[in-house]
PDB file of N, CA and C in Angstrom:
ATOM      1  N   UNK A   1     -16.342  -8.166   2.478  1.00  0.00           N
ATOM      2  CA  UNK A   1     -14.666  -8.725   2.286  1.00  0.00           C
ATOM      3  C   UNK A   1     -14.328  -7.461   3.065  1.00  0.00           C
ATOM      4  N   UNK A   2     -13.230  -7.299   3.574  1.00  0.00           N
ATOM      5  CA  UNK A   2     -12.669  -6.345   4.360  1.00  0.00           C
ATOM      6  C   UNK A   2     -11.947  -5.406   3.465  1.00  0.00           C
ATOM      7  N   UNK A   3     -11.100  -4.349   3.676  1.00  0.00           N
ATOM      8  CA  UNK A   3     -10.777  -3.352   2.718  1.00  0.00           C
ATOM      9  C   UNK A   3      -9.118  -3.942   2.531  1.00  0.00           C
ATOM     10  N   UNK A   4      -8.406  -3.919   1.808  1.00  0.00           N
ATOM     11  CA  UNK A   4      -6.967  -4.066   1.390  1.00  0.00           C
ATOM     12  C   UNK A   4      -5.738  -3.969   2.261  1.00  0.00           C
ATOM     13  N   UNK A   5      -5.609  -4.523   2.490  1.00  0.00           N
ATOM     14  CA  UNK A   5      -4.478  -3.528   4.275  1.00  0.00           C
ATOM     15  C   UNK A   5      -3.096  -3.400   3.057  1.00  0.00           C
ATOM     16  N   UNK A   6      -2.518  -2.133   3.469  1.00  0.00           N
ATOM     17  CA  UNK A   6      -2.015  -1.451   2.565  1.00  0.00           C
ATOM     18  C   UNK A   6      -0.637  -1.968   3.009  1.00  0.00           C
ATOM     19  N   UNK A   7       0.859  -2.142   2.359  1.00  0.00           N
ATOM     20  CA  UNK A   7       1.946  -2.729   3.062  1.00  0.00           C
ATOM     21  C   UNK A   7       3.018  -2.065   2.053  1.00  0.00           C
ATOM     22  N   UNK A   8       3.608  -0.802   2.601  1.00  0.00           N
ATOM     23  CA  UNK A   8       4.815  -0.466   2.030  1.00  0.00           C
ATOM     24  C   UNK A   8       6.082  -1.107   1.689  1.00  0.00           C
ATOM     25  N   UNK A   9       6.427  -1.985   1.915  1.00  0.00           N
ATOM     26  CA  UNK A   9       7.781  -2.198   1.429  1.00  0.00           C
ATOM     27  C   UNK A   9       8.124  -3.533   2.468  1.00  0.00           C
ATOM     28  N   UNK A  10       9.532  -3.888   2.100  1.00  0.00           N
ATOM     29  CA  UNK A  10       9.927  -5.396   2.956  1.00  0.00           C
ATOM     30  C   UNK A  10       9.690  -5.376   4.479  1.00  0.00           C
ATOM     31  N   UNK A  11      10.035  -3.845   5.096  1.00  0.00           N
ATOM     32  CA  UNK A  11      10.233  -3.861   6.803  1.00  0.00           C
ATOM     33  C   UNK A  11       8.507  -3.763   7.005  1.00  0.00           C
ATOM     34  N   UNK A  12       7.747  -3.571   6.152  1.00  0.00           N
ATOM     35  CA  UNK A  12       6.181  -3.305   6.867  1.00  0.00           C
ATOM     36  C   UNK A  12       5.790  -4.363   6.423  1.00  0.00           C
ATOM     37  N   UNK A  13       6.109  -5.388   5.357  1.00  0.00           N
ATOM     38  CA  UNK A  13       5.530  -6.683   4.743  1.00  0.00           C
ATOM     39  C   UNK A  13       5.963  -7.863   5.991  1.00  0.00           C
ATOM     40  N   UNK A  14       7.180  -7.831   6.656  1.00  0.00           N
ATOM     41  CA  UNK A  14       7.875  -8.573   7.532  1.00  0.00           C
ATOM     42  C   UNK A  14       6.857  -8.335   8.935  1.00  0.00           C
ATOM     43  N   UNK A  15       7.089  -6.905   9.131  1.00  0.00           N
ATOM     44  CA  UNK A  15       6.019  -6.546  10.577  1.00  0.00           C
ATOM     45  C   UNK A  15       4.452  -7.286  10.022  1.00  0.00           C
ATOM     46  N   UNK A  16       4.026  -7.331   8.664  1.00  0.00           N
ATOM     47  CA  UNK A  16       2.374  -7.607   8.955  1.00  0.00           C
ATOM     48  C   UNK A  16       2.717  -9.188   8.933  1.00  0.00           C
ATOM     49  N   UNK A  17       3.513  -9.983   8.515  1.00  0.00           N
ATOM     50  CA  UNK A  17       4.143 -11.474   8.505  1.00  0.00           C
ATOM     51  C   UNK A  17       4.249 -12.074   9.831  1.00  0.00           C
ATOM     52  N   UNK A  18       4.364 -10.948  10.597  1.00  0.00           N
ATOM     53  CA  UNK A  18       5.078 -11.479  11.928  1.00  0.00           C
ATOM     54  C   UNK A  18       3.757 -11.416  12.526  1.00  0.00           C
ATOM     55  N   UNK A  19       3.144 -10.336  12.748  1.00  0.00           N
ATOM     56  CA  UNK A  19       2.216  -9.916  14.149  1.00  0.00           C
ATOM     57  C   UNK A  19       0.305 -10.113  12.883  1.00  0.00           C
ATOM     58  N   UNK A  20       0.241  -9.840  12.260  1.00  0.00           N
ATOM     59  CA  UNK A  20      -1.166  -9.570  11.721  1.00  0.00           C
ATOM     60  C   UNK A  20      -1.270 -10.577  10.475  1.00  0.00           C
ATOM     61  N   UNK A  21      -0.842 -11.742  10.490  1.00  0.00           N
ATOM     62  CA  UNK A  21      -0.830 -12.585   9.371  1.00  0.00           C
ATOM     63  C   UNK A  21      -2.082 -13.368   9.624  1.00  0.00           C
ATOM     64  N   UNK A  22      -3.187 -13.818   8.822  1.00  0.00           N
ATOM     65  CA  UNK A  22      -4.382 -14.631   9.472  1.00  0.00           C
ATOM     66  C   UNK A  22      -4.256 -15.782   8.272  1.00  0.00           C
ATOM     67  N   UNK A  23      -3.746 -15.871   7.045  1.00  0.00           N
ATOM     68  CA  UNK A  23      -4.140 -16.431   5.920  1.00  0.00           C
ATOM     69  C   UNK A  23      -2.963 -17.983   5.879  1.00  0.00           C
ATOM     70  N   UNK A  24      -3.057 -18.877   5.193  1.00  0.00           N
ATOM     71  CA  UNK A  24      -2.614 -19.846   4.624  1.00  0.00           C
ATOM     72  C   UNK A  24      -1.220 -19.587   5.143  1.00  0.00           C
ATOM     73  N   UNK A  25      -0.415 -20.531   5.846  1.00  0.00           N
ATOM     74  CA  UNK A  25       0.923 -20.808   6.868  1.00  0.00           C
ATOM     75  C   UNK A  25       2.109 -21.355   5.332  1.00  0.00           C
ATOM     76  N   UNK A  26       1.265 -21.962   3.991  1.00  0.00           N
ATOM     77  CA  UNK A  26       2.046 -22.929   3.167  1.00  0.00           C
ATOM     78  C   UNK A  26       3.118 -22.054   2.537  1.00  0.00           C
ATOM     79  N   UNK A  27       2.655 -20.650   2.387  1.00  0.00           N
ATOM     80  CA  UNK A  27       4.059 -19.696   1.342  1.00  0.00           C
ATOM     81  C   UNK A  27       4.230 -18.602   2.253  1.00  0.00           C
ATOM     82  N   UNK A  28       4.304 -18.882   3.725  1.00  0.00           N
ATOM     83  CA  UNK A  28       4.648 -17.585   4.863  1.00  0.00           C
ATOM     84  C   UNK A  28       5.533 -17.631   5.000  1.00  0.00           C
ATOM     85  N   UNK A  29       6.116 -18.620   5.338  1.00  0.00           N
ATOM     86  CA  UNK A  29       7.186 -18.755   6.108  1.00  0.00           C
ATOM     87  C   UNK A  29       8.470 -18.461   5.133  1.00  0.00           C
ATOM     88  N   UNK A  30       8.566 -18.878   3.684  1.00  0.00           N
ATOM     89  CA  UNK A  30       9.090 -18.396   2.627  1.00  0.00           C
ATOM     90  C   UNK A  30       9.036 -16.939   2.225  1.00  0.00           C
ATOM     91  N   UNK A  31       7.842 -15.874   2.559  1.00  0.00           N
ATOM     92  CA  UNK A  31       7.896 -14.813   2.389  1.00  0.00           C
ATOM     93  C   UNK A  31       8.496 -14.215   3.730  1.00  0.00           C
ATOM     94  N   UNK A  32       8.574 -14.803   4.813  1.00  0.00           N
ATOM     95  CA  UNK A  32       8.877 -13.973   6.073  1.00  0.00           C
ATOM     96  C   UNK A  32      10.340 -13.981   5.502  1.00  0.00           C
ATOM     97  N   UNK A  33      10.655 -14.682   5.243  1.00  0.00           N
ATOM     98  CA  UNK A  33      12.624 -15.064   4.758  1.00  0.00           C
ATOM     99  C   UNK A  33      12.983 -14.203   4.039  1.00  0.00           C
ATOM    100  N   UNK A  34      12.423 -14.331   2.975  1.00  0.00           N
ATOM    101  CA  UNK A  34      12.415 -13.088   1.745  1.00  0.00           C
ATOM    102  C   UNK A  34      12.066 -11.528   2.367  1.00  0.00           C
ATOM    103  N   UNK A  35      11.032 -11.361   2.959  1.00  0.00           N
ATOM    104  CA  UNK A  35      10.958 -10.073   3.446  1.00  0.00           C
ATOM    105  C   UNK A  35      12.013  -9.421   4.271  1.00  0.00           C
ATOM    106  N   UNK A  36      12.745 -10.774   5.262  1.00  0.00           N
ATOM    107  CA  UNK A  36      13.986 -10.264   6.258  1.00  0.00           C
ATOM    108  C   UNK A  36      14.882 -10.090   5.239  1.00  0.00           C
ATOM    109  N   UNK A  37      15.059 -11.192   3.900  1.00  0.00           N
ATOM    110  CA  UNK A  37      16.716 -10.921   3.268  1.00  0.00           C
ATOM    111  C   UNK A  37      16.480  -9.299   2.659  1.00  0.00           C
ATOM    112  N   UNK A  38      15.264  -9.154   1.976  1.00  0.00           N
ATOM    113  CA  UNK A  38      15.223  -7.382   1.748  1.00  0.00           C
ATOM    114  C   UNK A  38      15.573  -6.063   2.845  1.00  0.00           C
ATOM    115  N   UNK A  39      14.947  -6.738   4.120  1.00  0.00           N
ATOM    116  CA  UNK A  39      15.273  -5.501   5.006  1.00  0.00           C
ATOM    117  C   UNK A  39      17.290  -5.690   5.194  1.00  0.00           C
ATOM    118  N   UNK A  40      17.143  -6.623   5.305  1.00  0.00           N
ATOM    119  CA  UNK A  40      19.084  -6.532   5.439  1.00  0.00           C
ATOM    120  C   UNK A  40      19.881  -6.319   4.329  1.00  0.00           C
ATOM    121  N   UNK A  41      19.187  -6.147   2.955  1.00  0.00           N
ATOM    122  CA  UNK A  41      19.700  -6.016   1.834  1.00  0.00           C
ATOM    123  C   UNK A  41      20.205  -6.588   0.642  1.00  0.00           C
ATOM    124  N   UNK A  42      19.851  -8.309   1.422  1.00  0.00           N
ATOM    125  CA  UNK A  42      20.493  -9.329  -0.058  1.00  0.00           C
ATOM    126  C   UNK A  42      19.329  -9.961  -0.959  1.00  0.00           C
ATOM    127  N   UNK A  43      18.197  -9.135  -0.782  1.00  0.00           N
ATOM    128  CA  UNK A  43      17.591  -9.587  -1.962  1.00  0.00           C
ATOM    129  C   UNK A  43      16.996  -7.912  -1.899  1.00  0.00           C
ATOM    130  N   UNK A  44      16.457  -7.832  -3.460  1.00  0.00           N
ATOM    131  CA  UNK A  44      15.646  -6.978  -3.914  1.00  0.00           C
ATOM    132  C   UNK A  44      14.354  -6.367  -3.252  1.00  0.00           C
ATOM    133  N   UNK A  45      13.951  -5.460  -3.055  1.00  0.00           N
ATOM    134  CA  UNK A  45      12.423  -4.861  -2.517  1.00  0.00           C
ATOM    135  C   UNK A  45      11.723  -5.833  -3.670  1.00  0.00           C
ATOM    136  N   UNK A  46      11.820  -5.581  -4.991  1.00  0.00           N
ATOM    137  CA  UNK A  46      10.875  -6.305  -6.065  1.00  0.00           C
ATOM    138  C   UNK A  46      10.702  -7.980  -5.750  1.00  0.00           C
ATOM    139  N   UNK A  47      11.926  -8.205  -5.156  1.00  0.00           N
ATOM    140  CA  UNK A  47      11.553 -10.189  -4.737  1.00  0.00           C
ATOM    141  C   UNK A  47      10.922 -10.207  -3.627  1.00  0.00           C
ATOM    142  N   UNK A  48      10.726  -8.890  -3.130  1.00  0.00           N
ATOM    143  CA  UNK A  48      10.156  -9.521  -1.061  1.00  0.00           C
ATOM    144  C   UNK A  48       8.699  -9.414  -2.045  1.00  0.00           C
ATOM    145  N   UNK A  49       8.468  -8.533  -2.477  1.00  0.00           N
ATOM    146  CA  UNK A  49       7.125  -7.907  -3.128  1.00  0.00           C
ATOM    147  C   UNK A  49       6.387  -9.028  -3.397  1.00  0.00           C
ATOM    148  N   UNK A  50       7.280  -9.462  -4.527  1.00  0.00           N
ATOM    149  CA  UNK A  50       6.603 -10.625  -4.862  1.00  0.00           C
ATOM    150  C   UNK A  50       6.042 -12.144  -4.216  1.00  0.00           C
ATOM    151  N   UNK A  51       7.049 -12.189  -3.354  1.00  0.00           N
ATOM    152  CA  UNK A  51       6.588 -13.430  -2.460  1.00  0.00           C
ATOM    153  C   UNK A  51       5.888 -13.134  -1.309  1.00  0.00           C
ATOM    154  N   UNK A  52       5.448 -11.791  -0.790  1.00  0.00           N
ATOM    155  CA  UNK A  52       4.541 -11.603  -0.011  1.00  0.00           C
ATOM    156  C   UNK A  52       3.380 -11.102  -1.120  1.00  0.00           C
ATOM    157  N   UNK A  53       3.126 -11.506  -2.093  1.00  0.00           N
ATOM    158  CA  UNK A  53       1.594 -10.879  -2.914  1.00  0.00           C
ATOM    159  C   UNK A  53       1.547 -12.261  -2.967  1.00  0.00           C
ATOM    160  N   UNK A  54       2.401 -13.460  -3.471  1.00  0.00           N
ATOM    161  CA  UNK A  54       2.041 -14.529  -3.541  1.00  0.00           C
ATOM    162  C   UNK A  54       1.746 -15.474  -2.169  1.00  0.00           C
ATOM    163  N   UNK A  55       2.143 -15.387  -1.562  1.00  0.00           N
ATOM    164  CA  UNK A  55       1.791 -16.191   0.094  1.00  0.00           C
ATOM    165  C   UNK A  55       0.089 -15.213   0.411  1.00  0.00           C
ATOM    166  N   UNK A  56       0.028 -13.834   0.129  1.00  0.00           N
ATOM    167  CA  UNK A  56      -1.045 -12.985   0.632  1.00  0.00           C
ATOM    168  C   UNK A  56      -2.220 -13.667  -0.500  1.00  0.00           C
ATOM    169  N   UNK A  57      -1.753 -14.111  -1.755  1.00  0.00           N
ATOM    170  CA  UNK A  57      -2.980 -14.543  -3.015  1.00  0.00           C
ATOM    171  C   UNK A  57      -3.306 -15.306  -2.532  1.00  0.00           C
ATOM    172  N   UNK A  58      -2.057 -16.496  -2.545  1.00  0.00           N
ATOM    173  CA  UNK A  58      -2.739 -18.569  -1.867  1.00  0.00           C
ATOM    174  C   UNK A  58      -3.371 -17.770  -0.716  1.00  0.00           C
ATOM    175  N   UNK A  59      -3.297 -17.006   0.543  1.00  0.00           N
ATOM    176  CA  UNK A  59      -4.149 -17.328   1.745  1.00  0.00           C
ATOM    177  C   UNK A  59      -5.319 -16.308   1.649  1.00  0.00           C
ATOM    178  N   UNK A  60      -5.942 -16.037   0.161  1.00  0.00           N
ATOM    179  CA  UNK A  60      -6.639 -14.767  -0.067  1.00  0.00           C
ATOM    180  C   UNK A  60      -7.137 -14.056   0.779  1.00  0.00           C
ATOM    181  N   UNK A  61      -6.099 -13.258   0.932  1.00  0.00           N
ATOM    182  CA  UNK A  61      -6.070 -12.077   1.465  1.00  0.00           C
ATOM    183  C   UNK A  61      -6.116 -10.941   0.879  1.00  0.00           C
ATOM    184  N   UNK A  62      -6.948  -9.524   0.732  1.00  0.00           N
ATOM    185  CA  UNK A  62      -6.426  -8.384   0.670  1.00  0.00           C
ATOM    186  C   UNK A  62      -5.667  -7.586   0.595  1.00  0.00           C
ATOM    187  N   UNK A  63      -4.731  -7.571  -0.228  1.00  0.00           N
ATOM    188  CA  UNK A  63      -3.518  -6.682  -0.208  1.00  0.00           C
ATOM    189  C   UNK A  63      -3.323  -5.758  -1.056  1.00  0.00           C
ATOM    190  N   UNK A  64      -2.663  -5.078  -0.816  1.00  0.00           N
ATOM    191  CA  UNK A  64      -1.880  -3.785  -1.533  1.00  0.00           C
ATOM    192  C   UNK A  64      -0.613  -3.588  -1.460  1.00  0.00           C
ATOM    193  N   UNK A  65       0.107  -3.926  -2.547  1.00  0.00           N
ATOM    194  CA  UNK A  65       1.549  -3.693  -1.843  1.00  0.00           C
ATOM    195  C   UNK A  65       1.933  -2.807  -3.177  1.00  0.00           C
ATOM    196  N   UNK A  66       2.797  -1.486  -2.795  1.00  0.00           N
ATOM    197  CA  UNK A  66       2.796  -0.933  -3.796  1.00  0.00           C
ATOM    198  C   UNK A  66       4.568  -0.518  -4.824  1.00  0.00           C
ATOM    199  N   UNK A  67       4.772  -0.399  -5.656  1.00  0.00           N
ATOM    200  CA  UNK A  67       5.638  -0.987  -6.303  1.00  0.00           C
ATOM    201  C   UNK A  67       6.228   0.666  -5.463  1.00  0.00           C
ATOM    202  N   UNK A  68       7.944   0.602  -5.764  1.00  0.00           N
ATOM    203  CA  UNK A  68       8.650   1.315  -4.747  1.00  0.00           C
ATOM    204  C   UNK A  68       8.734   2.241  -4.040  1.00  0.00           C
ATOM    205  N   UNK A  69       8.440   1.136  -3.425  1.00  0.00           N
ATOM    206  CA  UNK A  69       8.561   1.594  -1.424  1.00  0.00           C
ATOM    207  C   UNK A  69       9.453   0.635  -0.974  1.00  0.00           C
ATOM    208  N   UNK A  70       9.969   1.363  -0.262  1.00  0.00           N
ATOM    209  CA  UNK A  70      10.839   0.547   0.758  1.00  0.00           C
ATOM    210  C   UNK A  70      10.501   0.994   2.444  1.00  0.00           C
TER     211      UNK A  70
END
């Protein structure tokens, strides 16, 4: 198994979803939408974090999404 990918906030999650995502696409689009909304200030960083983690879990990707970073 590969080491977890560290993702430090909504903008990094959005970049990861756009350019490095290799997993399932079922929750991918939703996570991208939520992360973009967090980057523009329309939803919280924590909401984006949860959406990203759910998508990564579904795709069985190993990620690290620390709390409190933007």
